[in-house]
Amino acid sequence: MAPRAPGGSVLGRLSLPAKFVFGLVLTLVVGALYFVVFFADIDGQISAAQGQRGALQAELAKAEEAKDAFQKDVEEKTRKQALEREQKKVLPDDAETPAFLSAVQQVATVSGVNLVSYKPEDEVAEDYYVRVPMSLAMRGRFHQIARFFYGVGQLDRVINVEDIEMRIVVDPNASPEEVILEVRCLATAFRAKRDGEGGGAAAGGRRRN
């Protein structure tokens, strides 16, 4: 039999074990290329997702800080509004003479004092506030008068009672041991000073109709 002439493919000339090794190497190379191409892309996507997650977490942290700051602002505004309301009770923007008189009458009723008469007097502007005086005349027993003065001191609005004059009066309806007093005094409330109001001068009087 004549010998085979040289030629043919290199793979064809390899022995079976060599072909097996060659196939294994080729498979490993293809697998390595697939891993590099496919998993590199996945790794890039993971890195991008992690970066986006970090950005979202940073935005969330900023949003939480903004929320906390807003909540603090709301609480501070609420506190200031409550404080302003309390201050306006003590020193309102206007004289509020009807409310002033109503508060005095309510204290007189609770105390059992008979409020005989009242007369708003001229307002007097001071350096930082305006006086709102009102002349009062009342009648009652000593403990009732004392209770009236105490009740006025417990009102939310600051009211000073000054220039107090007392005299004992004879009441035929009262028992001999009861002391009935007739009291005249000046009850002075205060209001906030408006722009342009001078200090230490009368700011216009108000009279009862």
C-alpha atoms as a PDB file:
ATOM      1  CA  MET A   1       0.000   0.000   0.000  1.00  0.00           C
ATOM      2  CA  ALA A   2       1.443   3.367  -0.980  1.00  0.00           C
ATOM      3  CA  PRO A   3       2.104   5.899   1.835  1.00  0.00           C
ATOM      4  CA  ARG A   4      -0.372   8.957   2.258  1.00  0.00           C
ATOM      5  CA  ALA A   5       0.954  12.130   0.828  1.00  0.00           C
ATOM      6  CA  PRO A   6       1.483  14.919   3.284  1.00  0.00           C
ATOM      7  CA  GLY A   7      -1.297  17.524   3.451  1.00  0.00           C
ATOM      8  CA  GLY A   8      -4.749  17.973   5.024  1.00  0.00           C
ATOM      9  CA  SER A   9      -5.719  20.094   7.994  1.00  0.00           C
ATOM     10  CA  VAL A  10      -3.635  20.365  11.105  1.00  0.00           C
ATOM     11  CA  LEU A  11      -6.606  19.277  13.218  1.00  0.00           C
ATOM     12  CA  GLY A  12      -6.981  16.237  11.069  1.00  0.00           C
ATOM     13  CA  ARG A  13      -3.440  15.215  11.685  1.00  0.00           C
ATOM     14  CA  LEU A  14      -3.834  15.419  15.479  1.00  0.00           C
ATOM     15  CA  SER A  15      -4.370  12.361  17.542  1.00  0.00           C
ATOM     16  CA  LEU A  16      -7.600  11.860  19.443  1.00  0.00           C
ATOM     17  CA  PRO A  17      -6.179  12.970  22.820  1.00  0.00           C
ATOM     18  CA  ALA A  18      -4.695  16.054  21.177  1.00  0.00           C
ATOM     19  CA  LYS A  19      -8.047  16.838  19.606  1.00  0.00           C
ATOM     20  CA  PHE A  20      -9.709  16.509  23.008  1.00  0.00           C
ATOM     21  CA  VAL A  21      -7.184  18.871  24.592  1.00  0.00           C
ATOM     22  CA  PHE A  22      -7.586  21.328  21.716  1.00  0.00           C
ATOM     23  CA  GLY A  23     -11.362  21.270  22.089  1.00  0.00           C
ATOM     24  CA  LEU A  24     -11.086  21.817  25.828  1.00  0.00           C
ATOM     25  CA  VAL A  25      -8.745  24.762  25.348  1.00  0.00           C
ATOM     26  CA  LEU A  26     -11.034  26.265  22.726  1.00  0.00           C
ATOM     27  CA  THR A  27     -14.006  25.881  25.039  1.00  0.00           C
ATOM     28  CA  LEU A  28     -12.124  27.577  27.850  1.00  0.00           C
ATOM     29  CA  VAL A  29     -11.091  30.449  25.577  1.00  0.00           C
ATOM     30  CA  VAL A  30     -14.653  30.985  24.332  1.00  0.00           C
ATOM     31  CA  GLY A  31     -15.939  30.778  27.896  1.00  0.00           C
ATOM     32  CA  ALA A  32     -13.351  33.283  29.049  1.00  0.00           C
ATOM     33  CA  LEU A  33     -14.312  35.690  26.262  1.00  0.00           C
ATOM     34  CA  TYR A  34     -17.996  35.268  27.101  1.00  0.00           C
ATOM     35  CA  PHE A  35     -17.290  35.918  30.769  1.00  0.00           C
ATOM     36  CA  VAL A  36     -15.260  39.033  29.986  1.00  0.00           C
ATOM     37  CA  VAL A  37     -17.849  40.468  27.585  1.00  0.00           C
ATOM     38  CA  PHE A  38     -21.048  39.453  29.430  1.00  0.00           C
ATOM     39  CA  PHE A  39     -20.006  39.840  33.048  1.00  0.00           C
ATOM     40  CA  ALA A  40     -18.051  43.026  32.405  1.00  0.00           C
ATOM     41  CA  ASP A  41     -21.283  44.531  31.111  1.00  0.00           C
ATOM     42  CA  ILE A  42     -23.168  43.231  34.174  1.00  0.00           C
ATOM     43  CA  ASP A  43     -20.475  44.623  36.457  1.00  0.00           C
ATOM     44  CA  GLY A  44     -20.793  47.981  34.760  1.00  0.00           C
ATOM     45  CA  GLN A  45     -24.543  47.913  35.247  1.00  0.00           C
ATOM     46  CA  ILE A  46     -24.086  46.975  38.906  1.00  0.00           C
ATOM     47  CA  SER A  47     -21.597  49.815  39.399  1.00  0.00           C
ATOM     48  CA  ALA A  48     -23.990  52.240  37.717  1.00  0.00           C
ATOM     49  CA  ALA A  49     -26.875  51.002  39.894  1.00  0.00           C
ATOM     50  CA  GLN A  50     -24.753  51.369  43.010  1.00  0.00           C
ATOM     51  CA  GLY A  51     -23.802  54.866  41.978  1.00  0.00           C
ATOM     52  CA  GLN A  52     -27.462  55.720  41.363  1.00  0.00           C
ATOM     53  CA  ARG A  53     -28.354  54.215  44.721  1.00  0.00           C
ATOM     54  CA  GLY A  54     -25.734  56.369  46.417  1.00  0.00           C
ATOM     55  CA  ALA A  55     -27.102  59.452  44.651  1.00  0.00           C
ATOM     56  CA  LEU A  56     -30.651  58.580  45.710  1.00  0.00           C
ATOM     57  CA  GLN A  57     -29.525  58.012  49.285  1.00  0.00           C
ATOM     58  CA  ALA A  58     -27.797  61.409  49.245  1.00  0.00           C
ATOM     59  CA  GLU A  59     -30.979  63.038  47.893  1.00  0.00           C
ATOM     60  CA  LEU A  60     -33.019  61.217  50.533  1.00  0.00           C
ATOM     61  CA  ALA A  61     -30.692  62.471  53.259  1.00  0.00           C
ATOM     62  CA  LYS A  62     -31.052  66.025  51.925  1.00  0.00           C
ATOM     63  CA  ALA A  63     -34.819  65.601  51.784  1.00  0.00           C
ATOM     64  CA  GLU A  64     -34.834  64.382  55.403  1.00  0.00           C
ATOM     65  CA  GLU A  65     -32.721  67.369  56.436  1.00  0.00           C
ATOM     66  CA  ALA A  66     -35.066  69.710  54.573  1.00  0.00           C
ATOM     67  CA  LYS A  67     -38.047  68.018  56.244  1.00  0.00           C
ATOM     68  CA  ASP A  68     -36.469  68.403  59.698  1.00  0.00           C
ATOM     69  CA  ALA A  69     -35.638  72.041  58.984  1.00  0.00           C
ATOM     70  CA  PHE A  70     -39.192  72.671  57.752  1.00  0.00           C
ATOM     71  CA  GLN A  71     -40.648  70.977  60.825  1.00  0.00           C
ATOM     72  CA  LYS A  72     -38.457  73.104  63.077  1.00  0.00           C
ATOM     73  CA  ASP A  73     -39.567  76.229  61.203  1.00  0.00           C
ATOM     74  CA  VAL A  74     -43.216  75.235  61.614  1.00  0.00           C
ATOM     75  CA  GLU A  75     -42.729  74.563  65.327  1.00  0.00           C
ATOM     76  CA  GLU A  76     -40.876  77.853  65.773  1.00  0.00           C
ATOM     77  CA  LYS A  77     -43.588  79.729  63.881  1.00  0.00           C
ATOM     78  CA  THR A  78     -46.275  78.062  66.001  1.00  0.00           C
ATOM     79  CA  ARG A  79     -44.372  78.952  69.176  1.00  0.00           C
ATOM     80  CA  LYS A  80     -43.982  82.580  68.068  1.00  0.00           C
ATOM     81  CA  GLN A  81     -47.655  82.809  67.135  1.00  0.00           C
ATOM     82  CA  ALA A  82     -48.666  81.425  70.529  1.00  0.00           C
ATOM     83  CA  LEU A  83     -46.301  83.865  72.237  1.00  0.00           C
ATOM     84  CA  GLU A  84     -47.686  86.708  70.144  1.00  0.00           C
ATOM     85  CA  ARG A  85     -51.237  85.772  71.124  1.00  0.00           C
ATOM     86  CA  GLU A  86     -50.241  85.741  74.790  1.00  0.00           C
ATOM     87  CA  GLN A  87     -48.509  89.107  74.406  1.00  0.00           C
ATOM     88  CA  LYS A  88     -51.572  90.577  72.725  1.00  0.00           C
ATOM     89  CA  LYS A  89     -53.652  89.462  75.698  1.00  0.00           C
ATOM     90  CA  VAL A  90     -51.356  91.457  77.962  1.00  0.00           C
ATOM     91  CA  LEU A  91     -50.725  94.355  75.582  1.00  0.00           C
ATOM     92  CA  PRO A  92     -53.257  94.392  72.720  1.00  0.00           C
ATOM     93  CA  ASP A  93     -52.845  96.540  69.623  1.00  0.00           C
ATOM     94  CA  ASP A  94     -56.017  98.516  70.364  1.00  0.00           C
ATOM     95  CA  ALA A  95     -57.591  99.885  73.526  1.00  0.00           C
ATOM     96  CA  GLU A  96     -60.402  97.302  73.319  1.00  0.00           C
ATOM     97  CA  THR A  97     -62.449  99.358  75.758  1.00  0.00           C
ATOM     98  CA  PRO A  98     -65.572  97.134  75.506  1.00  0.00           C
ATOM     99  CA  ALA A  99     -63.496  94.037  76.321  1.00  0.00           C
ATOM    100  CA  PHE A 100     -61.751  95.970  79.126  1.00  0.00           C
ATOM    101  CA  LEU A 101     -65.087  96.988  80.631  1.00  0.00           C
ATOM    102  CA  SER A 102     -66.563  93.519  80.151  1.00  0.00           C
ATOM    103  CA  ALA A 103     -63.660  91.941  82.051  1.00  0.00           C
ATOM    104  CA  VAL A 104     -64.068  94.439  84.921  1.00  0.00           C
ATOM    105  CA  GLN A 105     -67.832  93.857  85.065  1.00  0.00           C
ATOM    106  CA  GLN A 106     -67.342  90.090  85.075  1.00  0.00           C
ATOM    107  CA  VAL A 107     -64.916  90.302  88.017  1.00  0.00           C
ATOM    108  CA  ALA A 108     -67.329  92.610  89.840  1.00  0.00           C
ATOM    109  CA  THR A 109     -70.198  90.162  89.324  1.00  0.00           C
ATOM    110  CA  VAL A 110     -68.168  87.189  90.534  1.00  0.00           C
ATOM    111  CA  SER A 111     -66.955  89.164  93.554  1.00  0.00           C
ATOM    112  CA  GLY A 112     -70.455  90.327  94.499  1.00  0.00           C
ATOM    113  CA  VAL A 113     -69.520  93.974  94.007  1.00  0.00           C
ATOM    114  CA  ASN A 114     -72.044  96.458  92.637  1.00  0.00           C
ATOM    115  CA  LEU A 115     -70.350  98.416  89.844  1.00  0.00           C
ATOM    116  CA  VAL A 116     -72.137 101.729  90.182  1.00  0.00           C
ATOM    117  CA  SER A 117     -70.504 103.672  87.337  1.00  0.00           C
ATOM    118  CA  TYR A 118     -67.556 103.718  84.950  1.00  0.00           C
ATOM    119  CA  LYS A 119     -66.042 106.360  82.704  1.00  0.00           C
ATOM    120  CA  PRO A 120     -63.217 105.898  80.180  1.00  0.00           C
ATOM    121  CA  GLU A 121     -60.592 108.614  80.585  1.00  0.00           C
ATOM    122  CA  ASP A 122     -58.072 110.100  78.159  1.00  0.00           C
ATOM    123  CA  GLU A 123     -55.421 107.720  76.914  1.00  0.00           C
ATOM    124  CA  VAL A 124     -51.860 108.671  77.827  1.00  0.00           C
ATOM    125  CA  ALA A 125     -48.961 107.688  75.582  1.00  0.00           C
ATOM    126  CA  GLU A 126     -45.779 106.642  77.367  1.00  0.00           C
ATOM    127  CA  ASP A 127     -42.413 105.761  75.833  1.00  0.00           C
ATOM    128  CA  TYR A 128     -43.262 102.161  74.939  1.00  0.00           C
ATOM    129  CA  TYR A 129     -47.010 101.782  75.537  1.00  0.00           C
ATOM    130  CA  VAL A 130     -50.236 103.709  75.960  1.00  0.00           C
ATOM    131  CA  ARG A 131     -52.243 103.887  79.170  1.00  0.00           C
ATOM    132  CA  VAL A 132     -55.988 103.215  78.853  1.00  0.00           C
ATOM    133  CA  PRO A 133     -57.532 104.468  82.130  1.00  0.00           C
ATOM    134  CA  MET A 134     -61.112 104.072  83.313  1.00  0.00           C
ATOM    135  CA  SER A 135     -62.681 105.616  86.422  1.00  0.00           C
ATOM    136  CA  LEU A 136     -64.758 103.171  88.446  1.00  0.00           C
ATOM    137  CA  ALA A 137     -67.222 103.573  91.279  1.00  0.00           C
ATOM    138  CA  MET A 138     -68.436 100.510  93.142  1.00  0.00           C
ATOM    139  CA  ARG A 139     -70.100  99.438  96.351  1.00  0.00           C
ATOM    140  CA  GLY A 140     -69.797  96.286  98.421  1.00  0.00           C
ATOM    141  CA  ARG A 141     -68.672  94.686 101.631  1.00  0.00           C
ATOM    142  CA  PHE A 142     -65.002  94.827 102.547  1.00  0.00           C
ATOM    143  CA  HIS A 143     -64.247  91.212 101.605  1.00  0.00           C
ATOM    144  CA  GLN A 144     -66.109  91.656  98.301  1.00  0.00           C
ATOM    145  CA  ILE A 145     -64.035  94.716  97.426  1.00  0.00           C
ATOM    146  CA  ALA A 146     -60.851  92.839  98.330  1.00  0.00           C
ATOM    147  CA  ARG A 147     -61.968  89.904  96.172  1.00  0.00           C
ATOM    148  CA  PHE A 148     -62.637  92.308  93.281  1.00  0.00           C
ATOM    149  CA  PHE A 149     -59.125  93.763  93.429  1.00  0.00           C
ATOM    150  CA  TYR A 150     -57.649  90.270  93.594  1.00  0.00           C
ATOM    151  CA  GLY A 151     -59.744  89.128  90.616  1.00  0.00           C
ATOM    152  CA  VAL A 152     -58.625  92.081  88.513  1.00  0.00           C
ATOM    153  CA  GLY A 153     -55.028  91.127  89.243  1.00  0.00           C
ATOM    154  CA  GLN A 154     -55.663  87.609  87.885  1.00  0.00           C
ATOM    155  CA  LEU A 155     -56.887  88.745  84.465  1.00  0.00           C
ATOM    156  CA  ASP A 156     -54.810  87.949  81.378  1.00  0.00           C
ATOM    157  CA  ARG A 157     -54.679  91.613  80.461  1.00  0.00           C
ATOM    158  CA  VAL A 158     -52.576  93.736  82.777  1.00  0.00           C
ATOM    159  CA  ILE A 159     -54.807  96.165  84.686  1.00  0.00           C
ATOM    160  CA  ASN A 160     -53.481  98.441  87.398  1.00  0.00           C
ATOM    161  CA  VAL A 161     -55.855  99.755  90.068  1.00  0.00           C
ATOM    162  CA  GLU A 162     -54.715 103.026  91.603  1.00  0.00           C
ATOM    163  CA  ASP A 163     -55.990 106.246  93.211  1.00  0.00           C
ATOM    164  CA  ILE A 164     -58.258 104.184  95.452  1.00  0.00           C
ATOM    165  CA  GLU A 165     -60.686 106.150  97.647  1.00  0.00           C
ATOM    166  CA  MET A 166     -62.922 104.368 100.172  1.00  0.00           C
ATOM    167  CA  ARG A 167     -65.649 105.553 102.491  1.00  0.00           C
ATOM    168  CA  ILE A 168     -68.088 103.745 104.721  1.00  0.00           C
ATOM    169  CA  VAL A 169     -71.732 104.177 103.768  1.00  0.00           C
ATOM    170  CA  VAL A 170     -74.859 103.427 105.735  1.00  0.00           C
ATOM    171  CA  ASP A 171     -76.991 100.737 104.170  1.00  0.00           C
ATOM    172  CA  PRO A 172     -80.371 100.287 105.878  1.00  0.00           C
ATOM    173  CA  ASN A 173     -80.664  96.837 104.345  1.00  0.00           C
ATOM    174  CA  ALA A 174     -77.393  95.633 105.881  1.00  0.00           C
ATOM    175  CA  SER A 175     -76.924  94.285 109.387  1.00  0.00           C
ATOM    176  CA  PRO A 176     -75.164  96.584 111.914  1.00  0.00           C
ATOM    177  CA  GLU A 177     -72.005  94.473 111.971  1.00  0.00           C
ATOM    178  CA  GLU A 178     -71.592  94.612 108.171  1.00  0.00           C
ATOM    179  CA  VAL A 179     -69.338  97.311 106.789  1.00  0.00           C
ATOM    180  CA  ILE A 180     -70.428  98.613 103.385  1.00  0.00           C
ATOM    181  CA  LEU A 181     -67.808 100.500 101.409  1.00  0.00           C
ATOM    182  CA  GLU A 182     -68.166 102.881  98.516  1.00  0.00           C
ATOM    183  CA  VAL A 183     -65.010 102.812  96.456  1.00  0.00           C
ATOM    184  CA  ARG A 184     -63.744 105.055  93.681  1.00  0.00           C
ATOM    185  CA  CYS A 185     -60.601 104.140  91.806  1.00  0.00           C
ATOM    186  CA  LEU A 186     -58.797 104.372  88.494  1.00  0.00           C
ATOM    187  CA  ALA A 187     -58.382 101.073  86.626  1.00  0.00           C
ATOM    188  CA  THR A 188     -55.684 101.380  83.961  1.00  0.00           C
ATOM    189  CA  ALA A 189     -55.134  98.919  81.133  1.00  0.00           C
ATOM    190  CA  PHE A 190     -52.476  99.218  78.464  1.00  0.00           C
ATOM    191  CA  ARG A 191     -52.182  98.827  74.720  1.00  0.00           C
ATOM    192  CA  ALA A 192     -49.331  98.694  72.231  1.00  0.00           C
ATOM    193  CA  LYS A 193     -48.042 101.988  70.958  1.00  0.00           C
ATOM    194  CA  ARG A 194     -48.685 102.794  67.311  1.00  0.00           C
ATOM    195  CA  ASP A 195     -46.149 104.367  64.988  1.00  0.00           C
ATOM    196  CA  GLY A 196     -46.238 108.140  65.211  1.00  0.00           C
ATOM    197  CA  GLU A 197     -47.780 108.373  68.685  1.00  0.00           C
ATOM    198  CA  GLY A 198     -45.865 110.716  70.956  1.00  0.00           C
ATOM    199  CA  GLY A 199     -44.812 109.923  74.480  1.00  0.00           C
ATOM    200  CA  GLY A 200     -46.138 111.479  77.660  1.00  0.00           C
ATOM    201  CA  ALA A 201     -49.063 113.278  76.015  1.00  0.00           C
ATOM    202  CA  ALA A 202     -52.758 112.569  75.911  1.00  0.00           C
ATOM    203  CA  ALA A 203     -53.697 110.522  72.874  1.00  0.00           C
ATOM    204  CA  GLY A 204     -57.361 111.387  72.659  1.00  0.00           C
ATOM    205  CA  GLY A 205     -60.102 110.647  75.138  1.00  0.00           C
ATOM    206  CA  ARG A 206     -62.997 108.238  74.930  1.00  0.00           C
ATOM    207  CA  ARG A 207     -66.272 108.729  76.699  1.00  0.00           C
ATOM    208  CA  ARG A 208     -69.160 106.439  77.503  1.00  0.00           C
ATOM    209  CA  ASN A 209     -72.289 107.019  75.424  1.00  0.00           C
END
